[in-house]
Amino acid sequence: MSYKIEAKVVYISFYIETFIYLIVIYITILLNTMEQEKPYKLMSREERGKLLLKRVKIEKTSEGWKVQSSSGNGFYFVKFNGHEPKCDCPDCRMRHQKCKHIYAVELYIKQEIDNKGKISQTKGIKVRYSQDWKAYDKSQTNEKFYFLKLLRELCDFAEQPEYKFGRPPIPISDLIFGSVLKVYSTFSLRRFISDLEIAKQMNLIDSKPCYASIGHFLQREEITDILKSLIQISSTPLREVESSFAIDSSGFSTSRFARYYSYKHQKDIKYKIWIKAHLMSGVKTNIITSVEVTEGVANDSPQLPRLVQESSKHFALSEVICDRAYLSKDNFKVIAEHGATAFIPFKSNSNPRSHSKGTSSLWKKMYYYFMYKHDEFKQHYHKRSNAETVFHMIKTKFKDNLRSKSKTAQINELLLKILCHNICVVIQEMNELGIRGEFLIEEKQQ
């Protein structure tokens, strides 16, 4: 008897669930059939553009974007005049504002652009660069001789602090020479002392500091600005060669650790601290013109104004290429103030409207340039890959980790790696381009 009652309960519950499911389907179909399309005359031009995109064919031609008319009897062309898009339809010519054809083209382009600001249907082309092997071989086989000579000349730009009292200190130029040579050798403090002894015998330094003096010297905060200044001076032999620059950042691992308490795992978790180098480099020779060092979690965009300002002291900037991490109205403005053009890809959710004073026209112009002249934009933007090459050169030659223990010493060690890189680039271009390895300290005339 109980078995029959349980079977009836199961059948009844099944019928109830089926009945509810059918009611939901019926209501959904009823709502869809009752939904009426908005009258065409009440639609905005943006809504008409969305509707037009679904109904007509849009294609890119040499004259612009070819949009079929809604009636199907002809075509209209949407072109970019250098500042904003224009259409040859009567509506756009009379109102001097966006028509439905412009909105349709912009929606069509946005469908092809992903969140990284790239055209999804565009196939990448591998660019190959020729190598002057004769100049390369000469630079590599004689690099250390050139390096010691250029380093000695560069260290002479460091001003010796005024002597006040006590034992006469080791000349700061000799301490910088030893610090740079230590990083260049990639040896430990004790193992590189023999290289310093060779430099002393070659009369490149006046006195040979011990390994402890070099280690203590790297922990001094006041030499950070000196090293940044020497990096800028080391780039001056190429001031007539470089005019296009790329900005990027990359991290370097350290020996410092931090910890936090995880409530999920109920224990302390340790993680390694790393610092980040923000570089501005020339795209032809990979010379570094300015640098900023921050914590690893620091944002990239706020570092751009300082990098551009420092590089403009010695170089004439024509274009600055960055990835979308540096996309901001202020960065466009800063680059324009220094006489250069910014090539920064826009995101898929970017729009030409701007509420910032003094930047609306520039932001709008570059937005439409990126949208309607994307092929031309890519010809400039592909140079940004040279910034990745710069970090690859530094990390493969001088290691991607920092041996120093304290934060100040790690920052100074990273700056020394960059200084070594610049000297090596100058050596290469002395043999390839025939430049004179002469360092200059005067600033470019504005």
Protein backbone atom coordinates (compact mmCIF):
# COMPACT_ATOMS: atom_id res chain seq x y z
CA MET A 1 0.00 0.00 0.00
CA SER A 2 2.81 2.44 0.93
CA TYR A 3 4.57 1.64 -2.37
CA LYS A 4 1.53 2.76 -4.41
CA ILE A 5 1.22 6.02 -2.44
CA GLU A 6 4.92 6.85 -3.07
CA ALA A 7 4.48 6.13 -6.80
CA LYS A 8 1.48 8.49 -7.02
CA VAL A 9 3.46 11.24 -5.26
CA VAL A 10 6.31 10.86 -7.77
CA TYR A 11 3.90 11.02 -10.75
CA ILE A 12 2.13 14.11 -9.36
CA SER A 13 5.40 15.99 -8.74
CA PHE A 14 6.59 15.13 -12.24
CA TYR A 15 3.40 16.50 -13.81
CA ILE A 16 3.63 19.69 -11.72
CA GLU A 17 7.26 20.37 -12.77
CA THR A 18 6.39 19.73 -16.42
CA PHE A 19 3.39 22.06 -16.23
CA ILE A 20 5.50 24.88 -14.69
CA TYR A 21 8.20 24.43 -17.35
CA LEU A 22 5.62 24.71 -20.17
CA ILE A 23 4.13 27.86 -18.60
CA VAL A 24 7.59 29.52 -18.48
CA ILE A 25 8.21 28.70 -22.15
CA TYR A 26 4.79 30.02 -23.14
CA ILE A 27 5.27 33.32 -21.29
CA THR A 28 8.73 33.79 -22.86
CA ILE A 29 7.37 33.27 -26.37
CA LEU A 30 4.44 35.56 -25.65
CA LEU A 31 6.71 38.38 -24.46
CA ASN A 32 8.96 38.06 -27.50
CA THR A 33 6.01 38.27 -29.87
CA MET A 34 4.54 41.24 -28.00
CA GLU A 35 7.84 43.15 -28.15
CA GLN A 36 7.61 45.81 -30.82
CA GLU A 37 10.51 47.45 -32.60
CA LYS A 38 11.07 51.13 -31.88
CA PRO A 39 9.77 53.34 -34.71
CA TYR A 40 12.57 54.32 -37.10
CA LYS A 41 11.78 58.05 -36.89
CA LEU A 42 12.19 58.01 -33.11
CA MET A 43 15.62 56.35 -33.24
CA SER A 44 18.78 58.33 -32.64
CA ARG A 45 21.48 58.28 -35.30
CA GLU A 46 23.56 55.93 -33.18
CA GLU A 47 20.64 53.49 -32.97
CA ARG A 48 20.11 53.81 -36.70
CA GLY A 49 23.80 53.04 -37.19
CA LYS A 50 23.44 49.82 -35.17
CA LEU A 51 20.46 48.84 -37.31
CA LEU A 52 22.32 49.75 -40.49
CA LEU A 53 25.27 47.58 -39.49
CA LYS A 54 23.00 44.53 -39.34
CA ARG A 55 21.37 45.15 -42.68
CA VAL A 56 23.96 46.48 -45.13
CA LYS A 57 27.49 45.68 -46.27
CA ILE A 58 30.49 47.71 -45.06
CA GLU A 59 33.95 47.38 -46.61
CA LYS A 60 37.24 49.22 -46.44
CA THR A 61 38.63 50.72 -49.65
CA SER A 62 41.52 53.00 -50.60
CA GLU A 63 39.11 55.97 -50.57
CA GLY A 64 37.68 55.20 -47.13
CA TRP A 65 34.91 53.06 -45.69
CA LYS A 66 32.26 52.14 -48.24
CA VAL A 67 28.77 51.91 -46.67
CA GLN A 68 25.75 50.79 -48.62
CA SER A 69 22.73 53.08 -48.31
CA SER A 70 19.74 51.83 -46.34
CA SER A 71 17.64 51.84 -49.51
CA GLY A 72 20.23 49.70 -51.28
CA ASN A 73 20.45 52.02 -54.30
CA GLY A 74 23.94 53.45 -53.71
CA PHE A 75 26.94 53.87 -51.45
CA TYR A 76 28.37 56.52 -49.15
CA PHE A 77 32.03 56.94 -48.20
CA VAL A 78 33.21 57.63 -44.66
CA LYS A 79 36.67 59.23 -44.63
CA PHE A 80 39.07 60.47 -41.97
CA ASN A 81 40.23 64.05 -42.66
CA GLY A 82 43.04 64.03 -40.08
CA HIS A 83 40.91 65.26 -37.19
CA GLU A 84 37.53 63.50 -37.35
CA PRO A 85 35.51 61.25 -39.67
CA LYS A 86 33.34 62.76 -42.40
CA CYS A 87 30.65 61.21 -44.61
CA ASP A 88 29.50 62.42 -48.03
CA CYS A 89 25.83 61.81 -47.24
CA PRO A 90 23.45 64.85 -47.13
CA ASP A 91 22.78 64.42 -43.41
CA CYS A 92 26.44 64.78 -42.42
CA ARG A 93 27.09 67.65 -44.83
CA MET A 94 24.12 69.68 -43.60
CA ARG A 95 24.38 69.03 -39.84
CA HIS A 96 28.22 68.79 -39.62
CA GLN A 97 27.76 66.02 -37.06
CA LYS A 98 27.98 62.26 -37.03
CA CYS A 99 25.48 60.47 -39.27
CA LYS A 100 24.27 56.90 -39.08
CA HIS A 101 26.90 55.79 -41.60
CA ILE A 102 29.75 57.02 -39.35
CA TYR A 103 28.24 55.28 -36.33
CA ALA A 104 27.87 52.08 -38.36
CA VAL A 105 31.54 52.20 -39.43
CA GLU A 106 32.75 52.83 -35.87
CA LEU A 107 30.69 49.92 -34.56
CA TYR A 108 32.05 47.74 -37.36
CA ILE A 109 35.64 48.63 -36.43
CA LYS A 110 35.04 48.12 -32.70
CA GLN A 111 33.79 44.62 -33.37
CA GLU A 112 37.22 43.80 -34.79
CA ILE A 113 39.21 45.43 -31.97
CA ASP A 114 39.84 43.40 -28.83
CA ASN A 115 40.57 44.73 -25.34
CA LYS A 116 44.29 45.03 -26.10
CA GLY A 117 43.65 47.53 -28.87
CA LYS A 118 44.58 45.20 -31.72
CA ILE A 119 42.68 44.32 -34.89
CA SER A 120 41.70 40.68 -34.42
CA GLN A 121 41.55 39.86 -38.16
CA THR A 122 44.93 41.37 -38.99
CA LYS A 123 47.75 38.87 -39.43
CA GLY A 124 51.12 39.79 -37.95
CA ILE A 125 54.15 40.08 -40.18
CA LYS A 126 57.53 39.06 -38.85
CA VAL A 127 59.99 41.88 -39.39
CA ARG A 128 63.62 40.94 -39.90
CA TYR A 129 66.52 43.32 -39.39
CA SER A 130 69.86 42.96 -41.15
CA GLN A 131 73.00 42.60 -39.06
CA ASP A 132 76.35 44.19 -39.85
CA TRP A 133 78.39 41.16 -38.80
CA LYS A 134 81.75 42.81 -39.41
CA ALA A 135 80.94 45.66 -37.02
CA TYR A 136 79.31 43.24 -34.58
CA ASP A 137 82.36 40.95 -34.47
CA LYS A 138 84.71 43.89 -33.96
CA SER A 139 82.56 45.28 -31.14
CA GLN A 140 82.24 41.96 -29.32
CA THR A 141 85.89 40.91 -29.59
CA ASN A 142 87.17 44.29 -28.39
CA GLU A 143 84.30 45.26 -26.12
CA LYS A 144 86.17 45.22 -22.81
CA PHE A 145 88.94 47.51 -24.08
CA TYR A 146 86.37 50.00 -25.38
CA PHE A 147 84.30 49.59 -22.22
CA LEU A 148 87.12 50.48 -19.82
CA LYS A 149 88.11 53.53 -21.86
CA LEU A 150 84.57 54.90 -22.20
CA LEU A 151 83.79 54.15 -18.57
CA ARG A 152 86.82 56.14 -17.44
CA GLU A 153 85.71 59.14 -19.50
CA LEU A 154 82.17 58.84 -18.21
CA CYS A 155 83.19 58.68 -14.54
CA ASP A 156 85.02 61.98 -14.87
CA PHE A 157 81.62 63.69 -15.11
CA ALA A 158 80.85 62.73 -11.48
CA GLU A 159 81.63 65.66 -9.18
CA GLN A 160 83.85 64.93 -6.20
CA PRO A 161 82.20 65.98 -2.88
CA GLU A 162 83.96 68.76 -1.02
CA TYR A 163 86.48 67.49 1.54
CA LYS A 164 85.53 68.53 5.06
CA PHE A 165 87.35 66.59 7.77
CA GLY A 166 89.02 63.28 8.55
CA ARG A 167 90.70 60.73 6.36
CA PRO A 168 90.68 61.72 2.67
CA PRO A 169 87.95 59.66 0.97
CA ILE A 170 88.40 57.51 -2.12
CA PRO A 171 87.57 59.59 -5.21
CA ILE A 172 83.92 59.11 -6.11
CA SER A 173 84.90 58.60 -9.76
CA ASP A 174 86.99 55.57 -8.75
CA LEU A 175 84.13 54.17 -6.66
CA ILE A 176 81.71 54.56 -9.56
CA PHE A 177 84.26 52.99 -11.92
CA GLY A 178 84.62 50.00 -9.60
CA SER A 179 80.85 49.64 -9.11
CA VAL A 180 80.14 49.67 -12.85
CA LEU A 181 82.96 47.25 -13.55
CA LYS A 182 81.67 44.91 -10.84
CA VAL A 183 78.19 44.77 -12.44
CA TYR A 184 79.69 44.41 -15.94
CA SER A 185 81.79 41.42 -14.84
CA THR A 186 78.75 39.73 -13.19
CA PHE A 187 81.19 38.49 -10.52
CA SER A 188 80.81 38.76 -6.77
CA LEU A 189 82.47 41.62 -4.89
CA ARG A 190 85.48 39.51 -3.91
CA ARG A 191 86.00 37.83 -7.28
CA PHE A 192 85.96 41.02 -9.35
CA ILE A 193 88.75 42.71 -7.34
CA SER A 194 91.34 41.22 -9.71
CA ASP A 195 89.69 43.15 -12.58
CA LEU A 196 90.00 46.29 -10.50
CA GLU A 197 93.70 45.57 -10.00
CA ILE A 198 94.15 45.34 -13.78
CA ALA A 199 92.39 48.69 -14.17
CA LYS A 200 94.78 50.19 -11.59
CA GLN A 201 97.80 48.90 -13.54
CA MET A 202 96.36 50.49 -16.70
CA ASN A 203 96.15 53.85 -14.85
CA LEU A 204 92.37 53.95 -15.25
CA ILE A 205 91.87 54.62 -11.53
CA ASP A 206 93.98 56.48 -8.97
CA SER A 207 93.32 54.15 -6.05
CA LYS A 208 91.91 50.64 -5.80
CA PRO A 209 89.07 50.41 -3.26
CA CYS A 210 88.51 47.14 -1.41
CA TYR A 211 85.42 45.04 -2.04
CA ALA A 212 83.81 46.25 1.21
CA SER A 213 84.10 49.89 0.09
CA ILE A 214 82.27 49.07 -3.15
CA GLY A 215 79.50 47.32 -1.22
CA HIS A 216 79.08 50.24 1.18
CA PHE A 217 79.13 52.72 -1.69
CA LEU A 218 76.13 51.03 -3.34
CA GLN A 219 74.10 51.53 -0.17
CA ARG A 220 74.36 55.31 -0.32
CA GLU A 221 71.13 57.03 -1.38
CA GLU A 222 72.85 60.13 -2.79
CA ILE A 223 74.48 58.21 -5.66
CA THR A 224 71.09 57.25 -7.16
CA ASP A 225 70.68 60.66 -8.79
CA ILE A 226 74.32 60.61 -9.89
CA LEU A 227 73.81 57.29 -11.68
CA LYS A 228 70.64 58.56 -13.39
CA SER A 229 72.59 61.57 -14.60
CA LEU A 230 75.40 59.37 -15.93
CA ILE A 231 72.84 57.24 -17.79
CA GLN A 232 71.56 60.34 -19.57
CA ILE A 233 75.10 61.50 -20.37
CA SER A 234 76.00 58.03 -21.69
CA SER A 235 73.23 58.32 -24.28
CA THR A 236 74.39 61.65 -25.72
CA PRO A 237 76.70 60.21 -28.42
CA LEU A 238 73.51 59.09 -30.20
CA ARG A 239 71.56 62.33 -29.85
CA GLU A 240 71.76 62.96 -33.61
CA VAL A 241 70.68 59.41 -34.46
CA GLU A 242 67.56 58.88 -32.34
CA SER A 243 64.27 60.72 -32.75
CA SER A 244 61.70 57.95 -32.17
CA PHE A 245 61.42 56.50 -28.68
CA ALA A 246 59.56 53.70 -26.91
CA ILE A 247 58.56 53.48 -23.25
CA ASP A 248 58.07 50.25 -21.34
CA SER A 249 58.72 48.65 -17.95
CA SER A 250 59.92 45.31 -16.64
CA GLY A 251 60.64 43.75 -13.25
CA PHE A 252 63.86 42.49 -11.70
CA SER A 253 63.85 39.94 -8.89
CA THR A 254 65.53 40.65 -5.55
CA SER A 255 66.62 38.71 -2.50
CA ARG A 256 64.10 40.46 -0.23
CA PHE A 257 60.95 38.74 0.98
CA ALA A 258 57.69 39.99 2.47
CA ARG A 259 54.90 38.12 4.20
CA TYR A 260 51.21 38.35 4.85
CA TYR A 261 48.75 36.32 6.88
CA SER A 262 46.32 34.23 4.84
CA TYR A 263 43.01 33.68 6.59
CA LYS A 264 42.15 31.05 3.98
CA HIS A 265 45.19 28.90 4.78
CA GLN A 266 45.55 30.10 8.39
CA LYS A 267 49.28 30.76 8.11
CA ASP A 268 51.89 33.32 7.06
CA ILE A 269 52.75 33.28 3.34
CA LYS A 270 56.06 34.63 2.07
CA TYR A 271 56.60 36.13 -1.37
CA LYS A 272 59.63 37.65 -3.10
CA ILE A 273 59.77 41.42 -3.55
CA TRP A 274 60.75 42.74 -6.97
CA ILE A 275 61.39 46.19 -8.33
CA LYS A 276 60.44 47.67 -11.68
CA ALA A 277 62.49 49.67 -14.16
CA HIS A 278 60.64 52.18 -16.38
CA LEU A 279 62.75 52.96 -19.44
CA MET A 280 62.60 55.32 -22.39
CA SER A 281 64.79 54.04 -25.21
CA GLY A 282 65.58 54.85 -28.83
CA VAL A 283 64.07 52.43 -31.33
CA LYS A 284 67.04 52.47 -33.74
CA THR A 285 69.96 51.69 -31.43
CA ASN A 286 68.19 50.65 -28.18
CA ILE A 287 70.00 53.35 -26.20
CA ILE A 288 68.30 54.23 -22.91
CA THR A 289 67.73 57.98 -22.48
CA SER A 290 65.97 58.11 -19.10
CA VAL A 291 64.96 55.72 -16.34
CA GLU A 292 62.78 55.58 -13.25
CA VAL A 293 62.86 52.77 -10.67
CA THR A 294 59.80 51.94 -8.54
CA GLU A 295 58.29 49.13 -6.52
CA GLY A 296 57.02 46.21 -8.55
CA VAL A 297 53.34 47.04 -8.00
CA ALA A 298 53.66 50.68 -9.12
CA ASN A 299 51.59 51.75 -12.12
CA ASP A 300 53.29 52.54 -15.43
CA SER A 301 51.31 55.55 -16.63
CA PRO A 302 52.39 58.09 -13.94
CA GLN A 303 56.08 57.54 -14.83
CA LEU A 304 55.74 58.75 -18.43
CA PRO A 305 55.88 62.56 -17.86
CA ARG A 306 59.18 62.32 -15.98
CA LEU A 307 60.74 60.03 -18.61
CA VAL A 308 59.72 62.31 -21.48
CA GLN A 309 60.90 65.43 -19.65
CA GLU A 310 64.36 64.00 -18.92
CA SER A 311 64.85 62.61 -22.43
CA SER A 312 63.88 65.89 -24.06
CA LYS A 313 66.85 67.61 -22.40
CA HIS A 314 69.28 65.93 -24.79
CA PHE A 315 67.15 64.58 -27.65
CA ALA A 316 64.72 66.06 -30.17
CA LEU A 317 61.60 63.92 -29.83
CA SER A 318 59.47 63.24 -32.89
CA GLU A 319 57.37 60.28 -31.74
CA VAL A 320 56.86 58.36 -28.51
CA ILE A 321 55.40 54.84 -28.70
CA CYS A 322 53.82 53.10 -25.69
CA ASP A 323 51.40 50.28 -25.01
CA ARG A 324 47.89 50.82 -23.66
CA ALA A 325 49.10 50.84 -20.03
CA TYR A 326 50.16 54.45 -20.69
CA LEU A 327 46.83 55.51 -22.25
CA SER A 328 45.70 58.77 -20.63
CA LYS A 329 44.79 62.27 -21.73
CA ASP A 330 47.56 63.78 -19.59
CA ASN A 331 50.21 61.62 -21.25
CA PHE A 332 49.05 62.69 -24.71
CA LYS A 333 49.30 66.30 -23.58
CA VAL A 334 52.79 65.92 -22.07
CA ILE A 335 54.19 64.28 -25.19
CA ALA A 336 52.65 66.96 -27.43
CA GLU A 337 54.15 69.73 -25.26
CA HIS A 338 57.61 68.34 -26.04
CA GLY A 339 56.99 68.45 -29.78
CA ALA A 340 56.35 64.74 -30.31
CA THR A 341 53.43 62.59 -31.43
CA ALA A 342 52.14 59.88 -29.11
CA PHE A 343 51.30 56.50 -30.62
CA ILE A 344 49.32 54.72 -27.91
CA PRO A 345 46.61 52.18 -28.83
CA PHE A 346 43.10 52.85 -27.56
CA LYS A 347 41.01 50.31 -25.70
CA SER A 348 37.77 48.89 -27.03
CA ASN A 349 35.77 50.91 -24.48
CA SER A 350 37.53 54.23 -25.30
CA ASN A 351 35.49 57.02 -26.84
CA PRO A 352 36.40 60.33 -28.52
CA ARG A 353 34.63 62.45 -25.92
CA SER A 354 36.89 64.22 -23.41
CA HIS A 355 36.09 66.45 -20.47
CA SER A 356 39.67 67.55 -19.74
CA LYS A 357 40.63 71.08 -20.69
CA GLY A 358 43.26 71.42 -23.40
CA THR A 359 43.25 67.72 -24.31
CA SER A 360 39.85 67.20 -25.97
CA SER A 361 40.97 68.00 -29.53
CA LEU A 362 44.21 65.97 -29.26
CA TRP A 363 42.49 62.97 -27.68
CA LYS A 364 39.73 63.09 -30.31
CA LYS A 365 42.21 63.43 -33.18
CA MET A 366 44.36 60.46 -32.08
CA TYR A 367 41.28 58.35 -31.34
CA TYR A 368 39.96 58.74 -34.89
CA TYR A 369 43.47 58.31 -36.30
CA PHE A 370 43.73 54.98 -34.49
CA MET A 371 40.26 53.92 -35.66
CA TYR A 372 40.34 54.99 -39.31
CA LYS A 373 44.09 54.87 -40.06
CA HIS A 374 44.92 51.69 -38.20
CA ASP A 375 47.27 50.34 -40.85
CA GLU A 376 49.24 53.57 -40.78
CA PHE A 377 49.16 53.54 -36.98
CA LYS A 378 50.66 50.04 -36.92
CA GLN A 379 53.62 51.17 -39.00
CA HIS A 380 54.60 53.40 -36.08
CA TYR A 381 53.44 51.17 -33.25
CA HIS A 382 55.41 48.09 -34.31
CA LYS A 383 58.59 49.96 -33.27
CA ARG A 384 57.54 49.49 -29.64
CA SER A 385 58.83 45.92 -29.82
CA ASN A 386 62.33 47.36 -29.57
CA ALA A 387 61.58 48.23 -25.95
CA GLU A 388 61.19 44.50 -25.27
CA THR A 389 64.56 43.98 -26.97
CA VAL A 390 66.19 46.45 -24.58
CA PHE A 391 65.09 44.48 -21.52
CA HIS A 392 66.13 41.25 -23.19
CA MET A 393 69.61 42.65 -23.81
CA ILE A 394 70.00 43.78 -20.19
CA LYS A 395 68.70 40.61 -18.60
CA THR A 396 70.62 38.16 -20.78
CA LYS A 397 73.93 39.99 -20.49
CA PHE A 398 73.83 41.31 -16.92
CA LYS A 399 71.28 38.90 -15.34
CA ASP A 400 67.66 39.54 -14.36
CA ASN A 401 68.21 39.31 -10.60
CA LEU A 402 69.75 41.76 -8.14
CA ARG A 403 72.33 40.47 -5.63
CA SER A 404 72.26 43.41 -3.21
CA LYS A 405 70.40 43.01 0.06
CA SER A 406 69.08 46.49 0.90
CA LYS A 407 66.50 48.35 -1.18
CA THR A 408 68.79 51.31 -1.92
CA ALA A 409 71.62 49.05 -3.04
CA GLN A 410 69.24 47.13 -5.30
CA ILE A 411 68.05 50.33 -7.00
CA ASN A 412 71.65 51.43 -7.53
CA GLU A 413 72.63 48.01 -8.84
CA LEU A 414 69.78 48.13 -11.37
CA LEU A 415 70.89 51.58 -12.52
CA LEU A 416 74.43 50.23 -12.96
CA LYS A 417 73.11 47.46 -15.21
CA ILE A 418 71.41 50.08 -17.37
CA LEU A 419 74.58 52.17 -17.48
CA CYS A 420 76.57 49.12 -18.60
CA HIS A 421 73.99 48.50 -21.32
CA ASN A 422 74.31 52.06 -22.63
CA ILE A 423 78.09 51.85 -22.85
CA CYS A 424 77.84 48.58 -24.78
CA VAL A 425 75.34 50.16 -27.20
CA VAL A 426 77.70 53.10 -27.79
CA ILE A 427 80.53 50.65 -28.53
CA GLN A 428 78.39 48.84 -31.10
CA GLU A 429 77.35 52.04 -32.85
CA MET A 430 80.94 53.36 -32.91
CA ASN A 431 81.81 50.43 -35.18
CA GLU A 432 78.52 50.22 -37.08
CA LEU A 433 77.51 53.87 -37.60
CA GLY A 434 80.94 55.40 -37.18
CA ILE A 435 79.88 57.78 -34.41
CA ARG A 436 82.39 59.35 -32.06
CA GLY A 437 82.11 58.08 -28.52
CA GLU A 438 82.10 61.55 -26.99
CA PHE A 439 79.84 62.29 -24.04
CA LEU A 440 78.14 65.69 -23.78
CA ILE A 441 76.58 67.40 -20.79
CA GLU A 442 75.00 70.47 -22.40
CA GLU A 443 71.26 70.30 -22.87
CA LYS A 444 69.49 70.51 -26.23
CA GLN A 445 68.47 74.00 -27.27
CA GLN A 446 64.70 74.32 -27.04
